[in-house]
């Protein structure tokens, strides 16, 4: 039987099934703790529910870039050994230095050259154009050599940070690049790149309640988020929302995540503190009522081989099936337990479908 993604998306490309949370850490202690927490929560949920991005850009002290690259390589290789049924359980990426930074080439040579098979993606910061991506790909693929292809792995996916007005102007072309899997919004750098034209309050959350424009209400920042999300959805890429720096304020973080997911169309979000991970998972998960409805509709569709069906007096066909199947996938990425009838399809990926 065809996989639901093959039936419902047809010729349309489907975005990668990435976890909804992307957790960043850069110091040695925090990187190890992040990977340990990932392993614990993978055991708890039965699957990897958040990515760990090991940070060389902001995580490395000035002058210590090479040491950080070696440290990240060792950690990625160490945790690549956590497997079940021949499949690696964890997901690890690395944020390298920008293309124009002196440490970029050594980052890639050290990390990709040493741990290509242990990586799920590379995060490229400060990208301004498609030409930047092409230049980075040439260095990355040379460093990787045949390490991934010899293991039957695809070329290393790239995640890209949109951090300037110039990059935003090229966001559609950047999203369309075949090696790009996800776009993230670099809030702090984006605000700073405007030379004081955007107030500092736009780097915060809920500043609007205290007489200022925050990251969800300043027009230029809001426009940037919407354009990034729209470009990703146009080209079947994953839009990843920026950080909320008020990491101790869990209720505010959860409200921000809900806005990102439900109002702006983001399907993934950055975390910079372990306390942010579970609120992000909750915020990006469909409500229990909506998920129950989605599962009943998809179960009915499966029973009828995707022919139109009536559920609760409402007619559904492939257009609405696609919507409800996407909700089920969002729930899966958020760690929600699903009915066995639909869970089976999420355990067994379709040909050519990334899980």
C-alpha atoms as a PDB file:
ATOM      1  CA  UNK A   1       0.000   0.000   0.000  1.00  0.00           C
ATOM      2  CA  UNK A   2       1.268   3.499  -0.810  1.00  0.00           C
ATOM      3  CA  UNK A   3       2.453   5.688   2.048  1.00  0.00           C
ATOM      4  CA  UNK A   4       0.014   8.520   2.939  1.00  0.00           C
ATOM      5  CA  UNK A   5       2.623  11.075   1.908  1.00  0.00           C
ATOM      6  CA  UNK A   6       2.810   9.561  -1.562  1.00  0.00           C
ATOM      7  CA  UNK A   7      -0.970   9.548  -1.928  1.00  0.00           C
ATOM      8  CA  UNK A   8      -1.657  12.972  -0.453  1.00  0.00           C
ATOM      9  CA  UNK A   9       1.280  15.004  -1.700  1.00  0.00           C
ATOM     10  CA  UNK A  10       1.535  13.356  -5.103  1.00  0.00           C
ATOM     11  CA  UNK A  11       3.892  15.358  -7.296  1.00  0.00           C
ATOM     12  CA  UNK A  12       4.161  18.051  -4.621  1.00  0.00           C
ATOM     13  CA  UNK A  13       7.360  17.989  -2.624  1.00  0.00           C
ATOM     14  CA  UNK A  14       6.958  17.440   1.107  1.00  0.00           C
ATOM     15  CA  UNK A  15       9.152  19.170   3.648  1.00  0.00           C
ATOM     16  CA  UNK A  16      11.559  17.064   5.683  1.00  0.00           C
ATOM     17  CA  UNK A  17      10.242  15.524   8.888  1.00  0.00           C
ATOM     18  CA  UNK A  18      12.469  17.501  11.248  1.00  0.00           C
ATOM     19  CA  UNK A  19      11.858  17.665  15.006  1.00  0.00           C
ATOM     20  CA  UNK A  20      10.042  20.855  15.974  1.00  0.00           C
ATOM     21  CA  UNK A  21      12.770  21.966  18.380  1.00  0.00           C
ATOM     22  CA  UNK A  22      16.368  22.834  17.493  1.00  0.00           C
ATOM     23  CA  UNK A  23      18.440  23.156  20.668  1.00  0.00           C
ATOM     24  CA  UNK A  24      21.706  25.134  20.589  1.00  0.00           C
ATOM     25  CA  UNK A  25      24.668  24.742  22.920  1.00  0.00           C
ATOM     26  CA  UNK A  26      28.304  25.702  22.648  1.00  0.00           C
ATOM     27  CA  UNK A  27      30.285  25.320  25.849  1.00  0.00           C
ATOM     28  CA  UNK A  28      31.774  21.856  26.541  1.00  0.00           C
ATOM     29  CA  UNK A  29      29.599  21.227  29.586  1.00  0.00           C
ATOM     30  CA  UNK A  30      26.380  22.386  27.929  1.00  0.00           C
ATOM     31  CA  UNK A  31      27.020  20.418  24.757  1.00  0.00           C
ATOM     32  CA  UNK A  32      27.474  17.219  26.742  1.00  0.00           C
ATOM     33  CA  UNK A  33      24.398  17.931  28.856  1.00  0.00           C
ATOM     34  CA  UNK A  34      22.343  18.651  25.736  1.00  0.00           C
ATOM     35  CA  UNK A  35      23.317  15.366  24.125  1.00  0.00           C
ATOM     36  CA  UNK A  36      22.632  13.479  27.357  1.00  0.00           C
ATOM     37  CA  UNK A  37      19.196  15.124  27.637  1.00  0.00           C
ATOM     38  CA  UNK A  38      18.475  14.237  24.024  1.00  0.00           C
ATOM     39  CA  UNK A  39      19.242  10.589  24.757  1.00  0.00           C
ATOM     40  CA  UNK A  40      17.022  10.646  27.871  1.00  0.00           C
ATOM     41  CA  UNK A  41      14.076  12.207  26.045  1.00  0.00           C
ATOM     42  CA  UNK A  42      14.518   9.867  23.069  1.00  0.00           C
ATOM     43  CA  UNK A  43      14.078   6.966  25.480  1.00  0.00           C
ATOM     44  CA  UNK A  44      11.086   8.690  27.087  1.00  0.00           C
ATOM     45  CA  UNK A  45       9.257   9.447  23.815  1.00  0.00           C
ATOM     46  CA  UNK A  46      10.483   6.497  21.777  1.00  0.00           C
ATOM     47  CA  UNK A  47      12.000   8.773  19.126  1.00  0.00           C
ATOM     48  CA  UNK A  48      14.232  11.822  18.841  1.00  0.00           C
ATOM     49  CA  UNK A  49      12.055  14.868  19.601  1.00  0.00           C
ATOM     50  CA  UNK A  50      14.647  17.642  19.358  1.00  0.00           C
ATOM     51  CA  UNK A  51      17.807  18.288  17.410  1.00  0.00           C
ATOM     52  CA  UNK A  52      21.041  19.317  19.093  1.00  0.00           C
ATOM     53  CA  UNK A  53      23.068  21.896  17.185  1.00  0.00           C
ATOM     54  CA  UNK A  54      26.627  22.119  18.465  1.00  0.00           C
ATOM     55  CA  UNK A  55      27.731  25.712  18.075  1.00  0.00           C
ATOM     56  CA  UNK A  56      31.080  26.749  16.668  1.00  0.00           C
ATOM     57  CA  UNK A  57      30.111  30.314  15.780  1.00  0.00           C
ATOM     58  CA  UNK A  58      28.985  31.735  19.129  1.00  0.00           C
ATOM     59  CA  UNK A  59      30.186  28.768  21.162  1.00  0.00           C
ATOM     60  CA  UNK A  60      33.892  29.129  20.396  1.00  0.00           C
ATOM     61  CA  UNK A  61      36.029  31.709  22.217  1.00  0.00           C
ATOM     62  CA  UNK A  62      38.037  33.992  19.962  1.00  0.00           C
ATOM     63  CA  UNK A  63      41.319  32.228  19.286  1.00  0.00           C
ATOM     64  CA  UNK A  64      39.868  28.846  20.263  1.00  0.00           C
ATOM     65  CA  UNK A  65      38.048  28.057  17.017  1.00  0.00           C
ATOM     66  CA  UNK A  66      40.127  25.021  16.074  1.00  0.00           C
ATOM     67  CA  UNK A  67      39.881  23.504  19.561  1.00  0.00           C
ATOM     68  CA  UNK A  68      36.087  23.929  19.432  1.00  0.00           C
ATOM     69  CA  UNK A  69      35.935  22.256  16.026  1.00  0.00           C
ATOM     70  CA  UNK A  70      37.874  19.238  17.326  1.00  0.00           C
ATOM     71  CA  UNK A  71      35.668  19.110  20.431  1.00  0.00           C
ATOM     72  CA  UNK A  72      32.473  19.183  18.346  1.00  0.00           C
ATOM     73  CA  UNK A  73      33.805  16.466  16.032  1.00  0.00           C
ATOM     74  CA  UNK A  74      34.591  14.174  18.952  1.00  0.00           C
ATOM     75  CA  UNK A  75      31.152  14.692  20.499  1.00  0.00           C
ATOM     76  CA  UNK A  76      29.345  14.039  17.219  1.00  0.00           C
ATOM     77  CA  UNK A  77      31.259  10.803  16.665  1.00  0.00           C
ATOM     78  CA  UNK A  78      30.785   9.684  20.260  1.00  0.00           C
ATOM     79  CA  UNK A  79      27.016  10.044  20.093  1.00  0.00           C
ATOM     80  CA  UNK A  80      26.677   8.564  16.610  1.00  0.00           C
ATOM     81  CA  UNK A  81      27.107   5.167  18.266  1.00  0.00           C
ATOM     82  CA  UNK A  82      23.669   5.384  19.927  1.00  0.00           C
ATOM     83  CA  UNK A  83      21.667   3.140  17.605  1.00  0.00           C
ATOM     84  CA  UNK A  84      18.667   0.814  17.525  1.00  0.00           C
ATOM     85  CA  UNK A  85      17.878  -1.622  14.753  1.00  0.00           C
ATOM     86  CA  UNK A  86      20.735  -0.248  12.716  1.00  0.00           C
ATOM     87  CA  UNK A  87      19.342   3.307  12.811  1.00  0.00           C
ATOM     88  CA  UNK A  88      20.974   6.158  14.687  1.00  0.00           C
ATOM     89  CA  UNK A  89      18.647   7.434  17.392  1.00  0.00           C
ATOM     90  CA  UNK A  90      20.029  10.905  17.941  1.00  0.00           C
ATOM     91  CA  UNK A  91      20.140  13.881  15.588  1.00  0.00           C
ATOM     92  CA  UNK A  92      23.118  16.235  15.674  1.00  0.00           C
ATOM     93  CA  UNK A  93      24.007  19.263  13.586  1.00  0.00           C
ATOM     94  CA  UNK A  94      26.756  21.868  13.791  1.00  0.00           C
ATOM     95  CA  UNK A  95      26.721  25.612  13.274  1.00  0.00           C
ATOM     96  CA  UNK A  96      30.000  26.521  11.631  1.00  0.00           C
ATOM     97  CA  UNK A  97      31.510  29.982  11.232  1.00  0.00           C
ATOM     98  CA  UNK A  98      30.262  32.169   8.357  1.00  0.00           C
ATOM     99  CA  UNK A  99      31.682  31.639   4.896  1.00  0.00           C
ATOM    100  CA  UNK A 100      33.736  34.847   5.078  1.00  0.00           C
ATOM    101  CA  UNK A 101      35.222  34.029   8.509  1.00  0.00           C
ATOM    102  CA  UNK A 102      38.833  32.801   8.620  1.00  0.00           C
ATOM    103  CA  UNK A 103      37.712  29.722  10.594  1.00  0.00           C
ATOM    104  CA  UNK A 104      35.069  28.542   8.089  1.00  0.00           C
ATOM    105  CA  UNK A 105      37.370  26.332   6.011  1.00  0.00           C
ATOM    106  CA  UNK A 106      39.048  24.778   9.048  1.00  0.00           C
ATOM    107  CA  UNK A 107      35.642  24.211  10.698  1.00  0.00           C
ATOM    108  CA  UNK A 108      34.429  22.300   7.660  1.00  0.00           C
ATOM    109  CA  UNK A 109      37.664  20.399   7.109  1.00  0.00           C
ATOM    110  CA  UNK A 110      37.809  19.323  10.753  1.00  0.00           C
ATOM    111  CA  UNK A 111      34.143  18.619  11.448  1.00  0.00           C
ATOM    112  CA  UNK A 112      32.815  17.384   8.112  1.00  0.00           C
ATOM    113  CA  UNK A 113      36.104  15.721   7.228  1.00  0.00           C
ATOM    114  CA  UNK A 114      36.153  13.909  10.560  1.00  0.00           C
ATOM    115  CA  UNK A 115      32.487  13.296  11.331  1.00  0.00           C
ATOM    116  CA  UNK A 116      30.515  13.463   8.059  1.00  0.00           C
ATOM    117  CA  UNK A 117      28.625  10.244   8.828  1.00  0.00           C
ATOM    118  CA  UNK A 118      27.638  11.468  12.299  1.00  0.00           C
ATOM    119  CA  UNK A 119      25.999  14.705  11.167  1.00  0.00           C
ATOM    120  CA  UNK A 120      22.409  15.337  10.137  1.00  0.00           C
ATOM    121  CA  UNK A 121      22.948  18.882   8.853  1.00  0.00           C
ATOM    122  CA  UNK A 122      25.229  21.907   8.912  1.00  0.00           C
ATOM    123  CA  UNK A 123      23.912  25.326   9.909  1.00  0.00           C
ATOM    124  CA  UNK A 124      25.351  28.134   7.758  1.00  0.00           C
ATOM    125  CA  UNK A 125      25.147  31.591   9.365  1.00  0.00           C
ATOM    126  CA  UNK A 126      25.366  35.008   7.661  1.00  0.00           C
ATOM    127  CA  UNK A 127      24.296  33.692   4.250  1.00  0.00           C
ATOM    128  CA  UNK A 128      23.540  36.548   1.860  1.00  0.00           C
ATOM    129  CA  UNK A 129      22.892  34.831  -1.467  1.00  0.00           C
ATOM    130  CA  UNK A 130      22.688  31.604  -3.446  1.00  0.00           C
ATOM    131  CA  UNK A 131      26.317  32.202  -4.448  1.00  0.00           C
ATOM    132  CA  UNK A 132      27.268  31.906  -0.769  1.00  0.00           C
ATOM    133  CA  UNK A 133      25.529  28.544  -0.552  1.00  0.00           C
ATOM    134  CA  UNK A 134      27.221  27.274  -3.710  1.00  0.00           C
ATOM    135  CA  UNK A 135      30.627  28.343  -2.392  1.00  0.00           C
ATOM    136  CA  UNK A 136      29.956  26.642   0.957  1.00  0.00           C
ATOM    137  CA  UNK A 137      28.728  23.450  -0.742  1.00  0.00           C
ATOM    138  CA  UNK A 138      31.952  23.150  -2.719  1.00  0.00           C
ATOM    139  CA  UNK A 139      34.030  23.233   0.481  1.00  0.00           C
ATOM    140  CA  UNK A 140      31.659  20.951   2.396  1.00  0.00           C
ATOM    141  CA  UNK A 141      31.432  18.276  -0.283  1.00  0.00           C
ATOM    142  CA  UNK A 142      35.190  18.239  -0.774  1.00  0.00           C
ATOM    143  CA  UNK A 143      35.660  17.701   2.969  1.00  0.00           C
ATOM    144  CA  UNK A 144      33.011  14.959   3.098  1.00  0.00           C
ATOM    145  CA  UNK A 145      34.504  13.073   0.151  1.00  0.00           C
ATOM    146  CA  UNK A 146      32.810   9.695  -0.235  1.00  0.00           C
ATOM    147  CA  UNK A 147      32.220   9.169   3.485  1.00  0.00           C
ATOM    148  CA  UNK A 148      28.436   9.628   3.284  1.00  0.00           C
ATOM    149  CA  UNK A 149      27.810   8.057  -0.117  1.00  0.00           C
ATOM    150  CA  UNK A 150      29.791   4.956   0.880  1.00  0.00           C
ATOM    151  CA  UNK A 151      27.341   4.543   3.800  1.00  0.00           C
ATOM    152  CA  UNK A 152      24.310   5.135   1.598  1.00  0.00           C
ATOM    153  CA  UNK A 153      23.725   8.566   3.128  1.00  0.00           C
ATOM    154  CA  UNK A 154      22.582  11.584   1.102  1.00  0.00           C
ATOM    155  CA  UNK A 155      24.709  14.686   0.709  1.00  0.00           C
ATOM    156  CA  UNK A 156      24.807  16.699   3.909  1.00  0.00           C
ATOM    157  CA  UNK A 157      21.686  18.905   4.216  1.00  0.00           C
ATOM    158  CA  UNK A 158      22.193  22.597   4.923  1.00  0.00           C
ATOM    159  CA  UNK A 159      20.258  24.835   7.270  1.00  0.00           C
ATOM    160  CA  UNK A 160      20.612  28.543   6.579  1.00  0.00           C
ATOM    161  CA  UNK A 161      20.343  31.591   8.825  1.00  0.00           C
ATOM    162  CA  UNK A 162      18.645  34.657   7.358  1.00  0.00           C
ATOM    163  CA  UNK A 163      20.163  37.536   9.321  1.00  0.00           C
ATOM    164  CA  UNK A 164      20.164  40.691   7.188  1.00  0.00           C
ATOM    165  CA  UNK A 165      17.920  42.772   4.897  1.00  0.00           C
ATOM    166  CA  UNK A 166      20.044  41.655   1.942  1.00  0.00           C
ATOM    167  CA  UNK A 167      19.533  37.990   2.725  1.00  0.00           C
ATOM    168  CA  UNK A 168      15.809  38.579   3.193  1.00  0.00           C
ATOM    169  CA  UNK A 169      15.657  40.117  -0.281  1.00  0.00           C
ATOM    170  CA  UNK A 170      17.031  36.823  -1.656  1.00  0.00           C
ATOM    171  CA  UNK A 171      15.038  34.510   0.600  1.00  0.00           C
ATOM    172  CA  UNK A 172      13.025  32.861  -2.174  1.00  0.00           C
ATOM    173  CA  UNK A 173      16.098  31.921  -4.187  1.00  0.00           C
ATOM    174  CA  UNK A 174      17.875  30.723  -1.056  1.00  0.00           C
ATOM    175  CA  UNK A 175      14.916  28.556  -0.045  1.00  0.00           C
ATOM    176  CA  UNK A 176      14.776  27.071  -3.537  1.00  0.00           C
ATOM    177  CA  UNK A 177      18.375  25.817  -3.405  1.00  0.00           C
ATOM    178  CA  UNK A 178      18.299  21.984  -3.520  1.00  0.00           C
ATOM    179  CA  UNK A 179      20.768  21.545  -0.656  1.00  0.00           C
ATOM    180  CA  UNK A 180      18.823  23.776   1.727  1.00  0.00           C
ATOM    181  CA  UNK A 181      16.571  21.848   4.087  1.00  0.00           C
ATOM    182  CA  UNK A 182      15.561  24.594   6.516  1.00  0.00           C
ATOM    183  CA  UNK A 183      15.710  28.369   6.977  1.00  0.00           C
ATOM    184  CA  UNK A 184      16.086  30.019  10.378  1.00  0.00           C
ATOM    185  CA  UNK A 185      15.585  33.655  11.311  1.00  0.00           C
ATOM    186  CA  UNK A 186      18.528  35.349  13.051  1.00  0.00           C
ATOM    187  CA  UNK A 187      16.614  37.944  15.055  1.00  0.00           C
ATOM    188  CA  UNK A 188      19.453  39.696  16.886  1.00  0.00           C
ATOM    189  CA  UNK A 189      21.662  40.132  13.835  1.00  0.00           C
ATOM    190  CA  UNK A 190      18.695  41.180  11.716  1.00  0.00           C
ATOM    191  CA  UNK A 191      17.782  43.967  14.126  1.00  0.00           C
ATOM    192  CA  UNK A 192      21.415  45.040  14.469  1.00  0.00           C
ATOM    193  CA  UNK A 193      21.831  45.111  10.667  1.00  0.00           C
ATOM    194  CA  UNK A 194      19.367  48.009  10.485  1.00  0.00           C
ATOM    195  CA  UNK A 195      21.812  50.412  12.130  1.00  0.00           C
ATOM    196  CA  UNK A 196      19.507  51.537  14.917  1.00  0.00           C
ATOM    197  CA  UNK A 197      16.426  51.937  12.723  1.00  0.00           C
ATOM    198  CA  UNK A 198      14.743  49.105  14.643  1.00  0.00           C
ATOM    199  CA  UNK A 199      14.541  49.586  18.443  1.00  0.00           C
ATOM    200  CA  UNK A 200      16.172  47.148  20.847  1.00  0.00           C
ATOM    201  CA  UNK A 201      12.723  46.175  22.106  1.00  0.00           C
ATOM    202  CA  UNK A 202      12.252  44.225  18.855  1.00  0.00           C
ATOM    203  CA  UNK A 203      14.815  41.694  20.086  1.00  0.00           C
ATOM    204  CA  UNK A 204      12.560  40.880  23.040  1.00  0.00           C
ATOM    205  CA  UNK A 205       9.216  39.214  23.570  1.00  0.00           C
ATOM    206  CA  UNK A 206       6.132  40.993  24.897  1.00  0.00           C
ATOM    207  CA  UNK A 207       7.815  44.402  24.955  1.00  0.00           C
ATOM    208  CA  UNK A 208       4.589  45.671  23.387  1.00  0.00           C
ATOM    209  CA  UNK A 209       2.937  45.234  26.756  1.00  0.00           C
ATOM    210  CA  UNK A 210       5.443  47.657  28.240  1.00  0.00           C
ATOM    211  CA  UNK A 211       5.250  50.465  25.711  1.00  0.00           C
ATOM    212  CA  UNK A 212       7.514  49.089  22.985  1.00  0.00           C
ATOM    213  CA  UNK A 213       7.375  47.032  19.806  1.00  0.00           C
ATOM    214  CA  UNK A 214       8.550  43.447  20.326  1.00  0.00           C
ATOM    215  CA  UNK A 215       9.664  40.720  17.904  1.00  0.00           C
ATOM    216  CA  UNK A 216       6.045  39.849  17.097  1.00  0.00           C
ATOM    217  CA  UNK A 217       4.776  43.402  16.614  1.00  0.00           C
ATOM    218  CA  UNK A 218       7.543  45.431  14.968  1.00  0.00           C
ATOM    219  CA  UNK A 219       6.521  45.636  11.288  1.00  0.00           C
ATOM    220  CA  UNK A 220       9.972  45.023   9.789  1.00  0.00           C
ATOM    221  CA  UNK A 221      10.676  42.049  12.026  1.00  0.00           C
ATOM    222  CA  UNK A 222       7.212  40.592  11.529  1.00  0.00           C
ATOM    223  CA  UNK A 223       7.566  41.022   7.750  1.00  0.00           C
ATOM    224  CA  UNK A 224      10.887  39.174   7.828  1.00  0.00           C
ATOM    225  CA  UNK A 225       9.369  36.237   9.687  1.00  0.00           C
ATOM    226  CA  UNK A 226       6.421  36.018   7.332  1.00  0.00           C
ATOM    227  CA  UNK A 227       8.606  36.156   4.220  1.00  0.00           C
ATOM    228  CA  UNK A 228      10.877  33.407   5.564  1.00  0.00           C
ATOM    229  CA  UNK A 229       7.924  31.183   6.432  1.00  0.00           C
ATOM    230  CA  UNK A 230       6.259  31.837   3.066  1.00  0.00           C
ATOM    231  CA  UNK A 231       9.436  31.060   1.101  1.00  0.00           C
ATOM    232  CA  UNK A 232       9.900  27.806   2.988  1.00  0.00           C
ATOM    233  CA  UNK A 233       6.351  26.673   2.354  1.00  0.00           C
ATOM    234  CA  UNK A 234       6.668  27.604  -1.326  1.00  0.00           C
ATOM    235  CA  UNK A 235       9.671  25.296  -1.773  1.00  0.00           C
ATOM    236  CA  UNK A 236       8.909  22.543   0.775  1.00  0.00           C
ATOM    237  CA  UNK A 237      11.561  23.627   3.267  1.00  0.00           C
ATOM    238  CA  UNK A 238      11.268  23.856   7.054  1.00  0.00           C
ATOM    239  CA  UNK A 239      10.867  27.368   8.555  1.00  0.00           C
ATOM    240  CA  UNK A 240      12.557  27.599  11.957  1.00  0.00           C
ATOM    241  CA  UNK A 241      11.634  30.424  14.321  1.00  0.00           C
ATOM    242  CA  UNK A 242      14.233  32.444  16.210  1.00  0.00           C
ATOM    243  CA  UNK A 243      15.137  32.334  19.875  1.00  0.00           C
ATOM    244  CA  UNK A 244      13.269  33.869  22.761  1.00  0.00           C
ATOM    245  CA  UNK A 245      16.017  35.144  25.060  1.00  0.00           C
ATOM    246  CA  UNK A 246      13.795  35.376  28.136  1.00  0.00           C
ATOM    247  CA  UNK A 247      14.543  31.710  28.800  1.00  0.00           C
ATOM    248  CA  UNK A 248      13.554  31.742  32.475  1.00  0.00           C
ATOM    249  CA  UNK A 249      10.028  32.929  31.631  1.00  0.00           C
ATOM    250  CA  UNK A 250       8.492  29.635  30.531  1.00  0.00           C
ATOM    251  CA  UNK A 251       4.891  30.909  30.100  1.00  0.00           C
ATOM    252  CA  UNK A 252       6.130  33.710  27.824  1.00  0.00           C
ATOM    253  CA  UNK A 253       8.257  31.274  25.857  1.00  0.00           C
ATOM    254  CA  UNK A 254       5.255  29.008  25.337  1.00  0.00           C
ATOM    255  CA  UNK A 255       3.097  31.944  24.194  1.00  0.00           C
ATOM    256  CA  UNK A 256       5.811  33.010  21.759  1.00  0.00           C
ATOM    257  CA  UNK A 257       6.097  29.473  20.406  1.00  0.00           C
ATOM    258  CA  UNK A 258       2.335  29.278  19.942  1.00  0.00           C
ATOM    259  CA  UNK A 259       2.390  32.539  17.976  1.00  0.00           C
ATOM    260  CA  UNK A 260       5.239  31.272  15.817  1.00  0.00           C
ATOM    261  CA  UNK A 261       3.432  28.011  15.103  1.00  0.00           C
ATOM    262  CA  UNK A 262      -0.179  29.097  14.795  1.00  0.00           C
ATOM    263  CA  UNK A 263      -0.016  32.698  13.531  1.00  0.00           C
ATOM    264  CA  UNK A 264       3.199  32.803  11.472  1.00  0.00           C
ATOM    265  CA  UNK A 265       3.424  29.338   9.939  1.00  0.00           C
ATOM    266  CA  UNK A 266       6.705  28.163  11.475  1.00  0.00           C
ATOM    267  CA  UNK A 267       7.083  24.420  12.017  1.00  0.00           C
ATOM    268  CA  UNK A 268      10.271  24.489  14.091  1.00  0.00           C
ATOM    269  CA  UNK A 269      11.859  26.745  16.719  1.00  0.00           C
ATOM    270  CA  UNK A 270      15.210  27.347  18.353  1.00  0.00           C
ATOM    271  CA  UNK A 271      15.895  26.604  21.999  1.00  0.00           C
ATOM    272  CA  UNK A 272      18.843  28.064  23.921  1.00  0.00           C
ATOM    273  CA  UNK A 273      18.102  26.546  27.318  1.00  0.00           C
ATOM    274  CA  UNK A 274      16.911  23.037  28.308  1.00  0.00           C
ATOM    275  CA  UNK A 275      13.860  24.562  30.030  1.00  0.00           C
ATOM    276  CA  UNK A 276      12.628  25.779  26.635  1.00  0.00           C
ATOM    277  CA  UNK A 277      12.476  22.366  24.951  1.00  0.00           C
ATOM    278  CA  UNK A 278       9.278  20.930  26.416  1.00  0.00           C
ATOM    279  CA  UNK A 279       7.292  24.193  26.097  1.00  0.00           C
ATOM    280  CA  UNK A 280       8.251  24.307  22.409  1.00  0.00           C
ATOM    281  CA  UNK A 281       7.131  20.695  21.955  1.00  0.00           C
ATOM    282  CA  UNK A 282       3.799  21.496  23.595  1.00  0.00           C
ATOM    283  CA  UNK A 283       3.256  24.680  21.595  1.00  0.00           C
ATOM    284  CA  UNK A 284       3.902  23.050  18.218  1.00  0.00           C
ATOM    285  CA  UNK A 285       1.667  20.046  18.922  1.00  0.00           C
ATOM    286  CA  UNK A 286      -1.966  20.162  17.718  1.00  0.00           C
ATOM    287  CA  UNK A 287      -4.621  20.318  20.420  1.00  0.00           C
ATOM    288  CA  UNK A 288      -5.871  17.001  21.756  1.00  0.00           C
ATOM    289  CA  UNK A 289      -9.333  17.630  20.273  1.00  0.00           C
ATOM    290  CA  UNK A 290      -8.006  18.485  16.819  1.00  0.00           C
ATOM    291  CA  UNK A 291      -5.617  15.541  16.845  1.00  0.00           C
ATOM    292  CA  UNK A 292      -8.399  13.118  17.805  1.00  0.00           C
ATOM    293  CA  UNK A 293     -10.458  14.429  14.894  1.00  0.00           C
ATOM    294  CA  UNK A 294      -7.493  14.141  12.518  1.00  0.00           C
ATOM    295  CA  UNK A 295      -6.843  10.527  13.477  1.00  0.00           C
ATOM    296  CA  UNK A 296     -10.493   9.533  12.999  1.00  0.00           C
ATOM    297  CA  UNK A 297     -10.580  11.151   9.564  1.00  0.00           C
ATOM    298  CA  UNK A 298      -7.318   9.547   8.419  1.00  0.00           C
ATOM    299  CA  UNK A 299      -8.363   6.130   9.767  1.00  0.00           C
ATOM    300  CA  UNK A 300     -11.625   6.425   7.785  1.00  0.00           C
ATOM    301  CA  UNK A 301      -9.704   7.476   4.679  1.00  0.00           C
ATOM    302  CA  UNK A 302      -7.308   4.540   4.986  1.00  0.00           C
ATOM    303  CA  UNK A 303     -10.244   2.141   5.337  1.00  0.00           C
ATOM    304  CA  UNK A 304     -11.706   3.499   2.076  1.00  0.00           C
ATOM    305  CA  UNK A 305      -8.389   3.617   0.170  1.00  0.00           C
ATOM    306  CA  UNK A 306      -8.511   7.437   0.228  1.00  0.00           C
ATOM    307  CA  UNK A 307     -11.921   7.716  -1.439  1.00  0.00           C
ATOM    308  CA  UNK A 308     -14.153  10.559  -0.092  1.00  0.00           C
ATOM    309  CA  UNK A 309     -15.782   9.826   3.264  1.00  0.00           C
ATOM    310  CA  UNK A 310     -18.205  11.558   5.616  1.00  0.00           C
ATOM    311  CA  UNK A 311     -17.056  12.007   9.230  1.00  0.00           C
ATOM    312  CA  UNK A 312     -19.369  13.682  11.757  1.00  0.00           C
ATOM    313  CA  UNK A 313     -21.622  14.753   8.901  1.00  0.00           C
ATOM    314  CA  UNK A 314     -18.825  16.519   6.988  1.00  0.00           C
ATOM    315  CA  UNK A 315     -17.498  15.305   3.629  1.00  0.00           C
ATOM    316  CA  UNK A 316     -13.724  14.877   3.367  1.00  0.00           C
ATOM    317  CA  UNK A 317     -11.516  14.110   0.372  1.00  0.00           C
ATOM    318  CA  UNK A 318      -7.817  14.288  -0.411  1.00  0.00           C
ATOM    319  CA  UNK A 319      -7.597  18.040   0.078  1.00  0.00           C
ATOM    320  CA  UNK A 320      -8.715  17.823   3.698  1.00  0.00           C
ATOM    321  CA  UNK A 321      -6.934  14.481   4.191  1.00  0.00           C
ATOM    322  CA  UNK A 322      -3.680  16.268   3.368  1.00  0.00           C
ATOM    323  CA  UNK A 323      -4.394  18.887   6.024  1.00  0.00           C
ATOM    324  CA  UNK A 324      -5.205  16.345   8.722  1.00  0.00           C
ATOM    325  CA  UNK A 325      -2.264  14.119   7.794  1.00  0.00           C
ATOM    326  CA  UNK A 326       0.019  17.126   8.202  1.00  0.00           C
ATOM    327  CA  UNK A 327      -1.428  17.639  11.692  1.00  0.00           C
ATOM    328  CA  UNK A 328      -0.618  14.035  12.550  1.00  0.00           C
ATOM    329  CA  UNK A 329       2.959  14.482  11.337  1.00  0.00           C
ATOM    330  CA  UNK A 330       3.259  17.668  13.432  1.00  0.00           C
ATOM    331  CA  UNK A 331       2.070  15.746  16.469  1.00  0.00           C
ATOM    332  CA  UNK A 332       4.603  12.995  15.765  1.00  0.00           C
ATOM    333  CA  UNK A 333       7.443  15.527  15.525  1.00  0.00           C
ATOM    334  CA  UNK A 334       6.304  16.999  18.845  1.00  0.00           C
ATOM    335  CA  UNK A 335       6.477  13.660  20.629  1.00  0.00           C
ATOM    336  CA  UNK A 336       2.719  13.071  20.945  1.00  0.00           C
ATOM    337  CA  UNK A 337       1.577   9.446  21.185  1.00  0.00           C
ATOM    338  CA  UNK A 338      -0.704   8.520  18.311  1.00  0.00           C
ATOM    339  CA  UNK A 339      -3.200   5.779  17.499  1.00  0.00           C
ATOM    340  CA  UNK A 340      -1.479   2.546  16.365  1.00  0.00           C
ATOM    341  CA  UNK A 341      -3.239   2.680  12.991  1.00  0.00           C
ATOM    342  CA  UNK A 342      -1.487   5.944  12.053  1.00  0.00           C
ATOM    343  CA  UNK A 343       1.668   5.437  14.113  1.00  0.00           C
ATOM    344  CA  UNK A 344       2.581   2.530  11.839  1.00  0.00           C
ATOM    345  CA  UNK A 345       2.968   4.893   8.906  1.00  0.00           C
ATOM    346  CA  UNK A 346       5.227   7.197  10.909  1.00  0.00           C
ATOM    347  CA  UNK A 347       7.534   4.353  11.925  1.00  0.00           C
ATOM    348  CA  UNK A 348       8.047   3.236   8.332  1.00  0.00           C
ATOM    349  CA  UNK A 349       9.164   6.035   6.002  1.00  0.00           C
ATOM    350  CA  UNK A 350       8.031   6.088   2.414  1.00  0.00           C
ATOM    351  CA  UNK A 351      10.597   5.733  -0.356  1.00  0.00           C
ATOM    352  CA  UNK A 352      12.392   9.040  -0.685  1.00  0.00           C
ATOM    353  CA  UNK A 353      10.635  10.558   2.316  1.00  0.00           C
ATOM    354  CA  UNK A 354      12.910  11.906   5.045  1.00  0.00           C
ATOM    355  CA  UNK A 355      12.073  10.973   8.634  1.00  0.00           C
END
